[in-house]
Amino acid sequence: MNFKERINAFSELGNYFSNGLDDEFTEKIREAEIKNPWFTTENQKQAIYVWGEQLTNENLDAWLSPYHLSENKKPKNVLIIMAGNIPLVGFHDFLSVLISGDNAVIKMSVNDNILLPFIIKKLIEINPEFEKKIQFVEEIKNKKFDVVIATGSDMSAKYFDYYFKNAKKIIRKNRKSVAILDGTESKEELGLLAKDVFSYFGLGCRNVSKIFLPKGYDLDQLFEVFYPYQEVIEHKKYSNNYDYNKAVYLMGNYEITENGFLLLKEDSSLQSPLAMLHYEFYSNIEKVESFIAKNKQQLQCIVSKDHIAFGQTQKPNLWDYADGEDTIEFLREEE
């Protein structure tokens, strides 16, 4: 299977994603939601739709042509340890490994292990040669791999760094995303920002967890555009987090603002609990820029009029690499 055949196969898979979900796919989505209630049908369809948009011949060519990939005479076995915070969060690593001509050895998250095997089955139907290039593993102890790509929390990253200390690797940790408002944003832009906050319940590293606001900014402007997402509180797991965090912060005498489905807290920290959004006022944009520079290694997305457009954080292009780590170049270097 040559490079062009791999591109065509993933492009055909993208067509399958985009042309409506058949009964078999719909049943898998239902099964995944039963197993992991965070993976609502809506959230899974959102992830699938985004991949359907990206997996076209045009996009794949635009992404890969700068690398001048040659045929891999000796494919590497690449262990991919996937996270499970949002649906198909490990798909880009999977795509990168196979499109580079390497073999994917997949350790799925228990929170996201329904959709990917089904999608891989469809990919193999498109091109049966992929079957010999994909393997699932339950355990990684005492097994050797040429390359490792692992995604997890800051805590698990320490374990991965130690366990794979002698391996060529990419280890991804927790990252957060921020938005910077200047006060001139339109209602439409703020409405799109709400999507960056609430998509996937805010569980993704690309979800905005903190907003920088010009001094004196009226928080009611945010609550107004957040209101269409009020139904999020009807989700039991989200509601439990909202109630728990509200109780904890009120008992701790912290000042919070809330609207019945989202907690707002003035806080300098990037890390905000689920169902809470941190904000910070600024009077000097240079201080915000200094904060961004200082915390660059912890940031995934910056949303503003000068950075990523409002509403686009959960629609990354193929070349928008997690943590800014160029996976294709990394795999090429290890040939």
C-alpha atoms as a PDB file:
ATOM      1  CA  MET A   1       0.000   0.000   0.000  1.00  0.00           C
ATOM      2  CA  ASN A   2       1.637   3.216  -1.135  1.00  0.00           C
ATOM      3  CA  PHE A   3       1.279   6.766   0.120  1.00  0.00           C
ATOM      4  CA  LYS A   4      -1.419   7.771  -2.361  1.00  0.00           C
ATOM      5  CA  GLU A   5      -3.473   4.679  -1.534  1.00  0.00           C
ATOM      6  CA  ARG A   6      -3.341   5.584   2.159  1.00  0.00           C
ATOM      7  CA  ILE A   7      -4.557   9.103   1.440  1.00  0.00           C
ATOM      8  CA  ASN A   8      -7.375   7.810  -0.737  1.00  0.00           C
ATOM      9  CA  ALA A   9      -8.456   5.363   1.958  1.00  0.00           C
ATOM     10  CA  PHE A  10      -8.698   8.043   4.646  1.00  0.00           C
ATOM     11  CA  SER A  11     -10.461  10.357   2.214  1.00  0.00           C
ATOM     12  CA  GLU A  12     -13.034   7.640   1.576  1.00  0.00           C
ATOM     13  CA  LEU A  13     -13.387   7.202   5.338  1.00  0.00           C
ATOM     14  CA  GLY A  14     -14.070  10.940   5.550  1.00  0.00           C
ATOM     15  CA  ASN A  15     -16.806  10.540   2.956  1.00  0.00           C
ATOM     16  CA  TYR A  16     -18.338   7.831   5.100  1.00  0.00           C
ATOM     17  CA  PHE A  17     -18.340  10.203   8.091  1.00  0.00           C
ATOM     18  CA  SER A  18     -19.919  13.005   6.073  1.00  0.00           C
ATOM     19  CA  ASN A  19     -22.628  11.109   4.214  1.00  0.00           C
ATOM     20  CA  GLY A  20     -24.879  10.437   7.171  1.00  0.00           C
ATOM     21  CA  LEU A  21     -24.652   7.792   9.849  1.00  0.00           C
ATOM     22  CA  ASP A  22     -25.906   4.346   8.890  1.00  0.00           C
ATOM     23  CA  ASP A  23     -27.716   2.073  11.331  1.00  0.00           C
ATOM     24  CA  GLU A  24     -24.527   0.247  12.351  1.00  0.00           C
ATOM     25  CA  PHE A  25     -22.700   3.489  13.134  1.00  0.00           C
ATOM     26  CA  THR A  26     -25.707   4.855  15.009  1.00  0.00           C
ATOM     27  CA  GLU A  27     -25.831   1.714  17.146  1.00  0.00           C
ATOM     28  CA  LYS A  28     -22.152   2.106  18.061  1.00  0.00           C
ATOM     29  CA  ILE A  29     -22.758   5.701  19.058  1.00  0.00           C
ATOM     30  CA  ARG A  30     -25.613   4.583  21.276  1.00  0.00           C
ATOM     31  CA  GLU A  31     -23.424   1.869  22.809  1.00  0.00           C
ATOM     32  CA  ALA A  32     -20.620   4.360  23.508  1.00  0.00           C
ATOM     33  CA  GLU A  33     -23.017   6.740  25.260  1.00  0.00           C
ATOM     34  CA  ILE A  34     -24.352   3.946  27.463  1.00  0.00           C
ATOM     35  CA  LYS A  35     -20.821   3.013  28.484  1.00  0.00           C
ATOM     36  CA  ASN A  36     -19.649   6.613  28.983  1.00  0.00           C
ATOM     37  CA  PRO A  37     -22.459   9.139  29.599  1.00  0.00           C
ATOM     38  CA  TRP A  38     -20.090  12.038  28.844  1.00  0.00           C
ATOM     39  CA  PHE A  39     -20.102  10.821  25.239  1.00  0.00           C
ATOM     40  CA  THR A  40     -23.563  12.017  24.348  1.00  0.00           C
ATOM     41  CA  THR A  41     -24.861  11.296  20.875  1.00  0.00           C
ATOM     42  CA  GLU A  42     -24.541  14.996  20.079  1.00  0.00           C
ATOM     43  CA  ASN A  43     -20.904  15.131  21.191  1.00  0.00           C
ATOM     44  CA  GLN A  44     -19.953  12.015  19.277  1.00  0.00           C
ATOM     45  CA  LYS A  45     -21.633  13.290  16.129  1.00  0.00           C
ATOM     46  CA  GLN A  46     -19.796  16.587  16.540  1.00  0.00           C
ATOM     47  CA  ALA A  47     -16.432  14.798  16.621  1.00  0.00           C
ATOM     48  CA  ILE A  48     -17.351  12.618  13.639  1.00  0.00           C
ATOM     49  CA  TYR A  49     -18.581  15.621  11.642  1.00  0.00           C
ATOM     50  CA  VAL A  50     -15.335  17.517  12.243  1.00  0.00           C
ATOM     51  CA  TRP A  51     -13.295  14.549  11.046  1.00  0.00           C
ATOM     52  CA  GLY A  52     -15.541  14.214   8.027  1.00  0.00           C
ATOM     53  CA  GLU A  53     -14.706  17.809   7.113  1.00  0.00           C
ATOM     54  CA  GLN A  54     -10.976  17.259   7.533  1.00  0.00           C
ATOM     55  CA  LEU A  55     -10.544  13.914   5.795  1.00  0.00           C
ATOM     56  CA  THR A  56     -10.658  15.017   2.177  1.00  0.00           C
ATOM     57  CA  ASN A  57      -8.037  14.523  -0.503  1.00  0.00           C
ATOM     58  CA  GLU A  58      -7.560  18.288  -0.656  1.00  0.00           C
ATOM     59  CA  ASN A  59      -6.952  18.684   3.079  1.00  0.00           C
ATOM     60  CA  LEU A  60      -4.767  15.596   3.339  1.00  0.00           C
ATOM     61  CA  ASP A  61      -2.615  16.786   0.440  1.00  0.00           C
ATOM     62  CA  ALA A  62      -2.334  20.298   1.914  1.00  0.00           C
ATOM     63  CA  TRP A  63      -1.272  18.808   5.252  1.00  0.00           C
ATOM     64  CA  LEU A  64       1.239  16.274   3.986  1.00  0.00           C
ATOM     65  CA  SER A  65       2.779  17.748   0.839  1.00  0.00           C
ATOM     66  CA  PRO A  66       5.369  19.861   2.738  1.00  0.00           C
ATOM     67  CA  TYR A  67       6.876  16.703   4.258  1.00  0.00           C
ATOM     68  CA  HIS A  68       7.666  14.982   0.937  1.00  0.00           C
ATOM     69  CA  LEU A  69       6.990  11.627   2.545  1.00  0.00           C
ATOM     70  CA  SER A  70       8.693   8.687   0.923  1.00  0.00           C
ATOM     71  CA  GLU A  71       7.721   5.071   1.137  1.00  0.00           C
ATOM     72  CA  ASN A  72       8.745   3.613   4.459  1.00  0.00           C
ATOM     73  CA  LYS A  73      10.954   0.589   3.774  1.00  0.00           C
ATOM     74  CA  LYS A  74      10.892  -0.539   7.382  1.00  0.00           C
ATOM     75  CA  PRO A  75       7.713   0.537   9.188  1.00  0.00           C
ATOM     76  CA  LYS A  76       8.081   1.306  12.872  1.00  0.00           C
ATOM     77  CA  ASN A  77       5.819  -0.087  15.563  1.00  0.00           C
ATOM     78  CA  VAL A  78       4.346   2.996  17.205  1.00  0.00           C
ATOM     79  CA  LEU A  79       2.566   2.580  20.518  1.00  0.00           C
ATOM     80  CA  ILE A  80      -0.283   5.081  20.835  1.00  0.00           C
ATOM     81  CA  ILE A  81      -1.624   5.493  24.368  1.00  0.00           C
ATOM     82  CA  MET A  82      -4.879   7.366  23.958  1.00  0.00           C
ATOM     83  CA  ALA A  83      -6.750   9.656  26.309  1.00  0.00           C
ATOM     84  CA  GLY A  84     -10.520   9.386  26.698  1.00  0.00           C
ATOM     85  CA  ASN A  85     -11.739  12.821  27.741  1.00  0.00           C
ATOM     86  CA  ILE A  86     -13.646  13.550  24.520  1.00  0.00           C
ATOM     87  CA  PRO A  87     -14.734  11.285  21.634  1.00  0.00           C
ATOM     88  CA  LEU A  88     -11.975  10.161  19.240  1.00  0.00           C
ATOM     89  CA  VAL A  89      -9.394  12.394  20.919  1.00  0.00           C
ATOM     90  CA  GLY A  90      -6.631   9.993  19.858  1.00  0.00           C
ATOM     91  CA  PHE A  91      -7.660   9.774  16.225  1.00  0.00           C
ATOM     92  CA  HIS A  92      -5.099  12.294  14.940  1.00  0.00           C
ATOM     93  CA  ASP A  93      -2.211  10.248  16.342  1.00  0.00           C
ATOM     94  CA  PHE A  94      -3.690   7.128  14.783  1.00  0.00           C
ATOM     95  CA  LEU A  95      -4.051   8.900  11.432  1.00  0.00           C
ATOM     96  CA  SER A  96      -0.515  10.321  11.594  1.00  0.00           C
ATOM     97  CA  VAL A  97       1.055   6.943  12.267  1.00  0.00           C
ATOM     98  CA  LEU A  98      -0.754   5.115   9.468  1.00  0.00           C
ATOM     99  CA  ILE A  99      -0.467   7.894   6.906  1.00  0.00           C
ATOM    100  CA  SER A 100       3.300   7.910   7.549  1.00  0.00           C
ATOM    101  CA  GLY A 101       3.434   4.223   6.677  1.00  0.00           C
ATOM    102  CA  ASP A 102       4.111   2.995  10.202  1.00  0.00           C
ATOM    103  CA  ASN A 103       2.253   0.401  12.265  1.00  0.00           C
ATOM    104  CA  ALA A 104      -0.201   1.510  14.959  1.00  0.00           C
ATOM    105  CA  VAL A 105      -0.176  -0.368  18.251  1.00  0.00           C
ATOM    106  CA  ILE A 106      -3.131   1.086  20.122  1.00  0.00           C
ATOM    107  CA  LYS A 107      -3.779   1.217  23.854  1.00  0.00           C
ATOM    108  CA  MET A 108      -7.260   2.692  24.082  1.00  0.00           C
ATOM    109  CA  SER A 109      -8.742   4.497  27.046  1.00  0.00           C
ATOM    110  CA  VAL A 110     -11.489   2.542  28.782  1.00  0.00           C
ATOM    111  CA  ASN A 111     -13.573   5.711  28.423  1.00  0.00           C
ATOM    112  CA  ASP A 112     -13.339   5.724  24.632  1.00  0.00           C
ATOM    113  CA  ASN A 113     -13.076   2.202  23.250  1.00  0.00           C
ATOM    114  CA  ILE A 114     -16.240   1.766  21.193  1.00  0.00           C
ATOM    115  CA  LEU A 115     -16.051   4.104  18.213  1.00  0.00           C
ATOM    116  CA  LEU A 116     -12.427   3.625  17.181  1.00  0.00           C
ATOM    117  CA  PRO A 117     -12.552  -0.174  16.654  1.00  0.00           C
ATOM    118  CA  PHE A 118     -15.699   0.278  14.580  1.00  0.00           C
ATOM    119  CA  ILE A 119     -14.076   3.026  12.491  1.00  0.00           C
ATOM    120  CA  ILE A 120     -10.974   0.898  11.996  1.00  0.00           C
ATOM    121  CA  LYS A 121     -13.172  -1.938  10.785  1.00  0.00           C
ATOM    122  CA  LYS A 122     -14.603   0.430   8.168  1.00  0.00           C
ATOM    123  CA  LEU A 123     -11.099   1.570   7.190  1.00  0.00           C
ATOM    124  CA  ILE A 124     -10.060  -2.048   6.660  1.00  0.00           C
ATOM    125  CA  GLU A 125     -13.149  -2.593   4.517  1.00  0.00           C
ATOM    126  CA  ILE A 126     -11.975   0.319   2.393  1.00  0.00           C
ATOM    127  CA  ASN A 127      -8.428  -1.056   2.135  1.00  0.00           C
ATOM    128  CA  PRO A 128      -7.807  -4.516   3.642  1.00  0.00           C
ATOM    129  CA  GLU A 129      -4.035  -3.915   3.736  1.00  0.00           C
ATOM    130  CA  PHE A 130      -4.536  -1.791   6.861  1.00  0.00           C
ATOM    131  CA  GLU A 131      -5.432  -4.896   8.859  1.00  0.00           C
ATOM    132  CA  LYS A 132      -1.805  -5.989   9.176  1.00  0.00           C
ATOM    133  CA  LYS A 133      -0.757  -2.490  10.257  1.00  0.00           C
ATOM    134  CA  ILE A 134      -3.100  -2.094  13.247  1.00  0.00           C
ATOM    135  CA  GLN A 135      -3.006  -3.868  16.580  1.00  0.00           C
ATOM    136  CA  PHE A 136      -4.823  -3.298  19.875  1.00  0.00           C
ATOM    137  CA  VAL A 137      -3.132  -4.045  23.192  1.00  0.00           C
ATOM    138  CA  GLU A 138      -4.485  -4.164  26.727  1.00  0.00           C
ATOM    139  CA  GLU A 139      -1.140  -4.196  28.536  1.00  0.00           C
ATOM    140  CA  ILE A 140       2.127  -2.457  27.712  1.00  0.00           C
ATOM    141  CA  LYS A 141       4.386  -3.968  30.369  1.00  0.00           C
ATOM    142  CA  ASN A 142       7.353  -5.950  29.112  1.00  0.00           C
ATOM    143  CA  LYS A 143       6.635  -5.053  25.508  1.00  0.00           C
ATOM    144  CA  LYS A 144       8.989  -3.162  23.229  1.00  0.00           C
ATOM    145  CA  PHE A 145       8.024  -0.499  20.743  1.00  0.00           C
ATOM    146  CA  ASP A 146      10.076   1.587  18.356  1.00  0.00           C
ATOM    147  CA  VAL A 147       8.261   4.810  19.200  1.00  0.00           C
ATOM    148  CA  VAL A 148       5.712   5.887  21.808  1.00  0.00           C
ATOM    149  CA  ILE A 149       3.035   8.601  21.626  1.00  0.00           C
ATOM    150  CA  ALA A 150       1.218   8.873  24.949  1.00  0.00           C
ATOM    151  CA  THR A 151      -1.449  11.301  26.064  1.00  0.00           C
ATOM    152  CA  GLY A 152      -2.717  11.703  29.606  1.00  0.00           C
ATOM    153  CA  SER A 153      -2.764  13.825  32.716  1.00  0.00           C
ATOM    154  CA  ASP A 154       0.241  15.545  34.276  1.00  0.00           C
ATOM    155  CA  MET A 155       0.372  12.683  36.756  1.00  0.00           C
ATOM    156  CA  SER A 156       0.317   9.923  34.146  1.00  0.00           C
ATOM    157  CA  ALA A 157       2.900  11.824  32.084  1.00  0.00           C
ATOM    158  CA  LYS A 158       5.409  11.366  34.904  1.00  0.00           C
ATOM    159  CA  TYR A 159       4.773   7.621  34.793  1.00  0.00           C
ATOM    160  CA  PHE A 160       5.100   7.547  31.001  1.00  0.00           C
ATOM    161  CA  ASP A 161       8.358   9.521  31.132  1.00  0.00           C
ATOM    162  CA  TYR A 162       9.809   7.044  33.592  1.00  0.00           C
ATOM    163  CA  TYR A 163       8.467   3.862  32.039  1.00  0.00           C
ATOM    164  CA  PHE A 164       9.510   4.854  28.506  1.00  0.00           C
ATOM    165  CA  LYS A 165      12.711   6.646  29.554  1.00  0.00           C
ATOM    166  CA  ASN A 166      14.770   4.816  26.934  1.00  0.00           C
ATOM    167  CA  ALA A 167      12.251   5.137  24.105  1.00  0.00           C
ATOM    168  CA  LYS A 168      11.771   7.749  21.433  1.00  0.00           C
ATOM    169  CA  LYS A 169       8.561   9.382  22.529  1.00  0.00           C
ATOM    170  CA  ILE A 170       6.043  12.177  22.614  1.00  0.00           C
ATOM    171  CA  ILE A 171       4.424  12.555  26.022  1.00  0.00           C
ATOM    172  CA  ARG A 172       1.466  14.918  26.203  1.00  0.00           C
ATOM    173  CA  LYS A 173       0.256  16.451  29.459  1.00  0.00           C
ATOM    174  CA  ASN A 174      -2.707  18.556  30.560  1.00  0.00           C
ATOM    175  CA  ARG A 175      -3.195  21.738  28.596  1.00  0.00           C
ATOM    176  CA  LYS A 176      -5.813  24.446  28.830  1.00  0.00           C
ATOM    177  CA  SER A 177      -7.159  27.132  26.520  1.00  0.00           C
ATOM    178  CA  VAL A 178      -7.925  30.795  27.107  1.00  0.00           C
ATOM    179  CA  ALA A 179      -9.821  33.607  25.436  1.00  0.00           C
ATOM    180  CA  ILE A 180      -8.890  37.267  25.366  1.00  0.00           C
ATOM    181  CA  LEU A 181     -11.674  39.815  24.904  1.00  0.00           C
ATOM    182  CA  ASP A 182     -11.118  43.499  24.201  1.00  0.00           C
ATOM    183  CA  GLY A 183     -14.727  44.576  24.738  1.00  0.00           C
ATOM    184  CA  THR A 184     -15.537  45.234  21.085  1.00  0.00           C
ATOM    185  CA  GLU A 185     -16.681  41.699  20.266  1.00  0.00           C
ATOM    186  CA  SER A 186     -20.039  41.358  18.562  1.00  0.00           C
ATOM    187  CA  LYS A 187     -22.850  39.312  20.037  1.00  0.00           C
ATOM    188  CA  GLU A 188     -22.234  36.760  17.294  1.00  0.00           C
ATOM    189  CA  GLU A 189     -18.569  36.427  18.257  1.00  0.00           C
ATOM    190  CA  LEU A 190     -19.475  36.004  21.915  1.00  0.00           C
ATOM    191  CA  GLY A 191     -22.012  33.377  20.951  1.00  0.00           C
ATOM    192  CA  LEU A 192     -19.267  31.464  19.171  1.00  0.00           C
ATOM    193  CA  LEU A 193     -17.062  31.830  22.232  1.00  0.00           C
ATOM    194  CA  ALA A 194     -19.793  30.053  24.209  1.00  0.00           C
ATOM    195  CA  LYS A 195     -19.283  27.068  21.905  1.00  0.00           C
ATOM    196  CA  ASP A 196     -15.579  27.070  22.798  1.00  0.00           C
ATOM    197  CA  VAL A 197     -16.554  26.942  26.473  1.00  0.00           C
ATOM    198  CA  PHE A 198     -19.357  24.377  26.425  1.00  0.00           C
ATOM    199  CA  SER A 199     -18.466  21.915  23.632  1.00  0.00           C
ATOM    200  CA  TYR A 200     -17.911  18.437  25.074  1.00  0.00           C
ATOM    201  CA  PHE A 201     -18.966  19.850  28.478  1.00  0.00           C
ATOM    202  CA  GLY A 202     -15.643  21.695  28.632  1.00  0.00           C
ATOM    203  CA  LEU A 203     -13.685  18.439  29.023  1.00  0.00           C
ATOM    204  CA  GLY A 204     -11.239  19.010  26.175  1.00  0.00           C
ATOM    205  CA  CYS A 205      -7.872  20.730  26.312  1.00  0.00           C
ATOM    206  CA  ARG A 206      -9.126  22.941  23.483  1.00  0.00           C
ATOM    207  CA  ASN A 207     -12.078  24.147  25.559  1.00  0.00           C
ATOM    208  CA  VAL A 208     -11.728  27.680  26.926  1.00  0.00           C
ATOM    209  CA  SER A 209     -11.290  27.447  30.697  1.00  0.00           C
ATOM    210  CA  LYS A 210     -10.328  31.055  31.365  1.00  0.00           C
ATOM    211  CA  ILE A 211     -11.225  34.434  29.877  1.00  0.00           C
ATOM    212  CA  PHE A 212      -9.255  37.665  30.098  1.00  0.00           C
ATOM    213  CA  LEU A 213     -11.633  40.648  30.236  1.00  0.00           C
ATOM    214  CA  PRO A 214     -10.965  44.384  29.980  1.00  0.00           C
ATOM    215  CA  LYS A 215     -11.384  46.122  33.306  1.00  0.00           C
ATOM    216  CA  GLY A 216     -15.030  46.977  33.991  1.00  0.00           C
ATOM    217  CA  TYR A 217     -16.401  44.359  31.589  1.00  0.00           C
ATOM    218  CA  ASP A 218     -20.036  43.470  32.356  1.00  0.00           C
ATOM    219  CA  LEU A 219     -20.292  39.723  33.041  1.00  0.00           C
ATOM    220  CA  ASP A 220     -23.957  39.831  32.050  1.00  0.00           C
ATOM    221  CA  GLN A 221     -22.789  40.010  28.433  1.00  0.00           C
ATOM    222  CA  LEU A 222     -21.303  36.551  28.870  1.00  0.00           C
ATOM    223  CA  PHE A 223     -24.294  35.144  30.703  1.00  0.00           C
ATOM    224  CA  GLU A 224     -26.548  36.341  27.901  1.00  0.00           C
ATOM    225  CA  VAL A 225     -24.669  34.412  25.194  1.00  0.00           C
ATOM    226  CA  PHE A 226     -24.149  31.420  27.484  1.00  0.00           C
ATOM    227  CA  TYR A 227     -27.892  31.087  28.096  1.00  0.00           C
ATOM    228  CA  PRO A 228     -28.592  28.879  25.028  1.00  0.00           C
ATOM    229  CA  TYR A 229     -26.423  26.215  26.695  1.00  0.00           C
ATOM    230  CA  GLN A 230     -28.538  26.065  29.840  1.00  0.00           C
ATOM    231  CA  GLU A 231     -29.679  22.512  29.054  1.00  0.00           C
ATOM    232  CA  VAL A 232     -26.177  21.322  29.948  1.00  0.00           C
ATOM    233  CA  ILE A 233     -27.308  21.256  33.582  1.00  0.00           C
ATOM    234  CA  GLU A 234     -29.768  18.480  32.720  1.00  0.00           C
ATOM    235  CA  HIS A 235     -26.840  16.127  32.177  1.00  0.00           C
ATOM    236  CA  LYS A 236     -26.464  14.236  35.436  1.00  0.00           C
ATOM    237  CA  LYS A 237     -22.664  14.076  35.559  1.00  0.00           C
ATOM    238  CA  TYR A 238     -22.292  17.739  34.656  1.00  0.00           C
ATOM    239  CA  SER A 239     -24.952  18.712  37.185  1.00  0.00           C
ATOM    240  CA  ASN A 240     -23.179  16.741  39.908  1.00  0.00           C
ATOM    241  CA  ASN A 241     -19.958  18.610  39.216  1.00  0.00           C
ATOM    242  CA  TYR A 242     -21.762  21.933  39.190  1.00  0.00           C
ATOM    243  CA  ASP A 243     -23.470  21.272  42.530  1.00  0.00           C
ATOM    244  CA  TYR A 244     -20.293  19.918  44.138  1.00  0.00           C
ATOM    245  CA  ASN A 245     -18.061  22.797  43.049  1.00  0.00           C
ATOM    246  CA  LYS A 246     -20.676  25.370  43.979  1.00  0.00           C
ATOM    247  CA  ALA A 247     -20.958  23.911  47.485  1.00  0.00           C
ATOM    248  CA  VAL A 248     -17.185  23.661  47.957  1.00  0.00           C
ATOM    249  CA  TYR A 249     -16.486  27.230  46.922  1.00  0.00           C
ATOM    250  CA  LEU A 250     -19.397  28.707  48.846  1.00  0.00           C
ATOM    251  CA  MET A 251     -18.375  26.865  52.008  1.00  0.00           C
ATOM    252  CA  GLY A 252     -14.854  28.190  51.473  1.00  0.00           C
ATOM    253  CA  ASN A 253     -16.255  31.739  51.342  1.00  0.00           C
ATOM    254  CA  TYR A 254     -15.002  32.243  47.799  1.00  0.00           C
ATOM    255  CA  GLU A 255     -16.808  34.828  45.729  1.00  0.00           C
ATOM    256  CA  ILE A 256     -18.418  33.218  42.707  1.00  0.00           C
ATOM    257  CA  THR A 257     -21.027  34.296  40.198  1.00  0.00           C
ATOM    258  CA  GLU A 258     -23.423  31.718  38.818  1.00  0.00           C
ATOM    259  CA  ASN A 259     -26.414  31.431  36.541  1.00  0.00           C
ATOM    260  CA  GLY A 260     -27.752  27.993  37.370  1.00  0.00           C
ATOM    261  CA  PHE A 261     -25.536  26.040  34.980  1.00  0.00           C
ATOM    262  CA  LEU A 262     -22.085  27.702  35.037  1.00  0.00           C
ATOM    263  CA  LEU A 263     -19.927  29.078  37.831  1.00  0.00           C
ATOM    264  CA  LEU A 264     -17.743  32.105  37.166  1.00  0.00           C
ATOM    265  CA  LYS A 265     -14.816  32.824  39.472  1.00  0.00           C
ATOM    266  CA  GLU A 266     -12.239  35.585  39.294  1.00  0.00           C
ATOM    267  CA  ASP A 267      -8.997  33.647  39.464  1.00  0.00           C
ATOM    268  CA  SER A 268      -5.485  33.868  38.025  1.00  0.00           C
ATOM    269  CA  SER A 269      -5.252  30.094  37.517  1.00  0.00           C
ATOM    270  CA  LEU A 270      -5.608  28.439  34.115  1.00  0.00           C
ATOM    271  CA  GLN A 271      -7.050  25.276  35.627  1.00  0.00           C
ATOM    272  CA  SER A 272     -10.737  25.674  36.377  1.00  0.00           C
ATOM    273  CA  PRO A 273     -12.924  22.836  37.703  1.00  0.00           C
ATOM    274  CA  LEU A 274     -15.595  21.331  35.498  1.00  0.00           C
ATOM    275  CA  ALA A 275     -18.710  23.550  35.278  1.00  0.00           C
ATOM    276  CA  MET A 276     -16.618  26.577  36.273  1.00  0.00           C
ATOM    277  CA  LEU A 277     -15.010  29.273  34.136  1.00  0.00           C
ATOM    278  CA  HIS A 278     -12.201  31.441  35.460  1.00  0.00           C
ATOM    279  CA  TYR A 279     -11.915  35.072  34.433  1.00  0.00           C
ATOM    280  CA  GLU A 280      -9.424  37.845  35.074  1.00  0.00           C
ATOM    281  CA  PHE A 281      -9.701  41.566  34.432  1.00  0.00           C
ATOM    282  CA  TYR A 282      -6.862  43.464  32.812  1.00  0.00           C
ATOM    283  CA  SER A 283      -6.111  47.130  32.263  1.00  0.00           C
ATOM    284  CA  ASN A 284      -2.894  46.549  30.351  1.00  0.00           C
ATOM    285  CA  ILE A 285      -2.876  44.062  27.477  1.00  0.00           C
ATOM    286  CA  GLU A 286       0.898  43.716  27.783  1.00  0.00           C
ATOM    287  CA  LYS A 287       0.387  41.941  31.114  1.00  0.00           C
ATOM    288  CA  VAL A 288      -1.900  39.451  29.419  1.00  0.00           C
ATOM    289  CA  GLU A 289       0.671  38.869  26.697  1.00  0.00           C
ATOM    290  CA  SER A 290       3.319  38.348  29.375  1.00  0.00           C
ATOM    291  CA  PHE A 291       1.099  35.774  31.096  1.00  0.00           C
ATOM    292  CA  ILE A 292       0.560  33.979  27.794  1.00  0.00           C
ATOM    293  CA  ALA A 293       4.304  33.867  27.105  1.00  0.00           C
ATOM    294  CA  LYS A 294       5.082  32.655  30.632  1.00  0.00           C
ATOM    295  CA  ASN A 295       2.498  29.853  30.434  1.00  0.00           C
ATOM    296  CA  LYS A 296       3.060  28.870  26.816  1.00  0.00           C
ATOM    297  CA  GLN A 297       3.816  25.244  27.680  1.00  0.00           C
ATOM    298  CA  GLN A 298       0.458  24.890  29.435  1.00  0.00           C
ATOM    299  CA  LEU A 299      -1.670  26.433  26.696  1.00  0.00           C
ATOM    300  CA  GLN A 300      -3.344  24.624  23.821  1.00  0.00           C
ATOM    301  CA  CYS A 301      -5.474  27.394  22.267  1.00  0.00           C
ATOM    302  CA  ILE A 302      -5.680  31.169  22.534  1.00  0.00           C
ATOM    303  CA  VAL A 303      -8.964  32.582  21.285  1.00  0.00           C
ATOM    304  CA  SER A 304      -9.203  36.256  20.334  1.00  0.00           C
ATOM    305  CA  LYS A 305      -9.512  38.534  17.343  1.00  0.00           C
ATOM    306  CA  ASP A 306      -5.760  38.138  16.817  1.00  0.00           C
ATOM    307  CA  HIS A 307      -5.461  34.393  17.405  1.00  0.00           C
ATOM    308  CA  ILE A 308      -7.846  31.458  16.858  1.00  0.00           C
ATOM    309  CA  ALA A 309     -11.250  32.659  15.717  1.00  0.00           C
ATOM    310  CA  PHE A 310     -14.191  32.428  18.098  1.00  0.00           C
ATOM    311  CA  GLY A 311     -16.002  29.110  17.881  1.00  0.00           C
ATOM    312  CA  GLN A 312     -13.153  27.265  16.161  1.00  0.00           C
ATOM    313  CA  THR A 313     -11.228  25.626  19.004  1.00  0.00           C
ATOM    314  CA  GLN A 314     -12.860  22.233  18.509  1.00  0.00           C
ATOM    315  CA  LYS A 315     -12.389  22.354  14.741  1.00  0.00           C
ATOM    316  CA  PRO A 316      -8.617  22.015  14.387  1.00  0.00           C
ATOM    317  CA  ASN A 317      -7.063  21.521  10.988  1.00  0.00           C
ATOM    318  CA  LEU A 318      -4.940  18.476  10.334  1.00  0.00           C
ATOM    319  CA  TRP A 319      -1.797  20.568  10.776  1.00  0.00           C
ATOM    320  CA  ASP A 320      -2.906  21.957  14.164  1.00  0.00           C
ATOM    321  CA  TYR A 321      -0.902  19.551  16.285  1.00  0.00           C
ATOM    322  CA  ALA A 322      -1.650  18.857  19.933  1.00  0.00           C
ATOM    323  CA  ASP A 323       0.862  20.664  22.160  1.00  0.00           C
ATOM    324  CA  GLY A 324       2.413  22.109  18.991  1.00  0.00           C
ATOM    325  CA  GLU A 325       4.352  18.845  18.577  1.00  0.00           C
ATOM    326  CA  ASP A 326       4.665  18.029  14.870  1.00  0.00           C
ATOM    327  CA  THR A 327       3.788  14.339  14.901  1.00  0.00           C
ATOM    328  CA  ILE A 328       4.609  13.714  11.233  1.00  0.00           C
ATOM    329  CA  GLU A 329       8.028  15.330  11.523  1.00  0.00           C
ATOM    330  CA  PHE A 330       8.687  13.358  14.707  1.00  0.00           C
ATOM    331  CA  LEU A 331       7.850  10.097  12.958  1.00  0.00           C
ATOM    332  CA  ARG A 332      10.072  11.047  10.020  1.00  0.00           C
ATOM    333  CA  GLU A 333      13.000  11.818  12.301  1.00  0.00           C
ATOM    334  CA  GLU A 334      12.753   8.356  13.826  1.00  0.00           C
ATOM    335  CA  GLU A 335      13.141   6.528  10.512  1.00  0.00           C
END
